Amino acid sequence: MMLGGGGPGDPEVDLGAMLSPADKERLQRFLESEQHKSEFNTLCSTLTDKCWELCLPEARQGTGDDLSNKERACIQNCAVRWIEVTAMYKQHFIQQ
């Protein structure tokens, strides 16, 4: 893993040469964990945006009123379907 210098002409530092194999493994697991967290946050944000747009009419958004039973059911169904599709999508690429 290379780390660039602070400015033009600064040498790059090879972090891989400075880490023990155990440290490299821990760093790799940490980076993978952070990647999964980022993917999860993106999924949640996208899910929220899509379901909000689908289930709440624009005139209704931002009013602060309680959700109707129909709106609650729509959001719940949308979230469940979004998660199912995302899981199928990921499973498809894991198998390839």
Protein backbone atom coordinates (compact mmCIF):
# COMPACT_ATOMS: atom_id res chain seq x y z
CA MET A 1 0.00 0.00 0.00
CA MET A 2 1.49 3.30 -1.08
CA LEU A 3 0.88 6.60 0.61
CA GLY A 4 1.62 9.76 -1.35
CA GLY A 5 3.67 12.58 0.06
CA GLY A 6 2.23 15.84 1.26
CA GLY A 7 3.02 17.82 -1.86
CA PRO A 8 4.71 17.86 -5.26
CA GLY A 9 8.07 16.12 -5.17
CA ASP A 10 7.45 14.46 -1.79
CA PRO A 11 8.34 10.77 -1.86
CA GLU A 12 5.71 8.06 -1.52
CA VAL A 13 5.86 5.80 1.51
CA ASP A 14 5.31 2.04 1.12
CA LEU A 15 3.16 1.20 4.13
CA GLY A 16 3.18 -2.48 3.20
CA ALA A 17 6.90 -2.65 3.88
CA MET A 18 6.35 -1.13 7.31
CA LEU A 19 3.61 -3.53 8.47
CA SER A 20 3.95 -7.04 9.81
CA PRO A 21 1.87 -9.78 8.12
CA ALA A 22 -0.50 -9.77 11.13
CA ASP A 23 -0.90 -5.99 10.89
CA LYS A 24 -1.54 -6.25 7.15
CA GLU A 25 -4.28 -8.83 7.83
CA ARG A 26 -5.87 -6.61 10.50
CA LEU A 27 -5.71 -3.62 8.19
CA GLN A 28 -7.32 -5.62 5.37
CA ARG A 29 -10.16 -6.78 7.67
CA PHE A 30 -10.65 -3.21 8.89
CA LEU A 31 -10.82 -1.84 5.35
CA GLU A 32 -13.30 -4.55 4.33
CA SER A 33 -15.43 -3.75 7.38
CA GLU A 34 -15.40 -0.05 6.54
CA GLN A 35 -16.37 -0.86 2.93
CA HIS A 36 -19.34 -2.94 4.15
CA LYS A 37 -20.42 -0.11 6.46
CA SER A 38 -20.24 2.34 3.57
CA GLU A 39 -22.29 0.03 1.33
CA PHE A 40 -24.88 -0.41 4.09
CA ASN A 41 -25.16 3.35 4.62
CA THR A 42 -25.60 3.88 0.88
CA LEU A 43 -28.27 1.18 0.78
CA CYS A 44 -30.16 2.77 3.69
CA SER A 45 -29.98 6.22 2.15
CA THR A 46 -31.17 4.98 -1.23
CA LEU A 47 -33.93 2.91 0.34
CA THR A 48 -35.15 5.89 2.36
CA ASP A 49 -35.15 8.19 -0.67
CA LYS A 50 -36.88 5.74 -3.01
CA CYS A 51 -39.56 4.62 -0.56
CA TRP A 52 -40.22 8.18 0.58
CA GLU A 53 -40.73 9.34 -3.01
CA LEU A 54 -42.90 6.33 -3.87
CA CYS A 55 -45.13 6.31 -0.79
CA LEU A 56 -45.62 9.97 0.08
CA PRO A 57 -47.05 12.44 -2.40
CA GLU A 58 -44.97 15.61 -2.79
CA ALA A 59 -47.73 17.74 -1.26
CA ARG A 60 -47.63 15.49 1.82
CA GLN A 61 -43.86 15.52 2.35
CA GLY A 62 -42.49 17.78 5.04
CA THR A 63 -45.85 18.52 6.67
CA GLY A 64 -44.93 16.90 9.96
CA ASP A 65 -48.25 15.06 10.10
CA ASP A 66 -48.40 11.44 11.25
CA LEU A 67 -48.27 8.81 8.54
CA SER A 68 -51.52 7.15 7.55
CA ASN A 69 -51.87 3.38 7.79
CA LYS A 70 -51.69 3.20 3.99
CA GLU A 71 -48.45 5.24 3.94
CA ARG A 72 -46.92 3.10 6.71
CA ALA A 73 -47.81 -0.10 4.85
CA CYS A 74 -46.39 1.29 1.60
CA ILE A 75 -43.09 2.29 3.23
CA GLN A 76 -42.78 -1.06 5.01
CA ASN A 77 -43.53 -3.02 1.84
CA CYS A 78 -41.15 -0.86 -0.18
CA ALA A 79 -38.33 -1.36 2.34
CA VAL A 80 -38.83 -5.13 2.48
CA ARG A 81 -38.87 -5.41 -1.32
CA TRP A 82 -35.80 -3.17 -1.67
CA ILE A 83 -33.85 -5.29 0.82
CA GLU A 84 -34.91 -8.53 -0.91
CA VAL A 85 -33.87 -7.26 -4.33
CA THR A 86 -30.56 -5.96 -2.99
CA ALA A 87 -29.84 -9.32 -1.32
CA MET A 88 -30.64 -11.19 -4.55
CA TYR A 89 -28.45 -8.79 -6.51
CA LYS A 90 -25.51 -9.29 -4.14
CA GLN A 91 -25.99 -13.07 -4.09
CA HIS A 92 -25.93 -13.12 -7.89
CA PHE A 93 -22.55 -11.39 -7.98
CA ILE A 94 -21.11 -13.49 -5.14
CA GLN A 95 -21.88 -16.65 -7.12
CA GLN A 96 -20.07 -15.41 -10.24
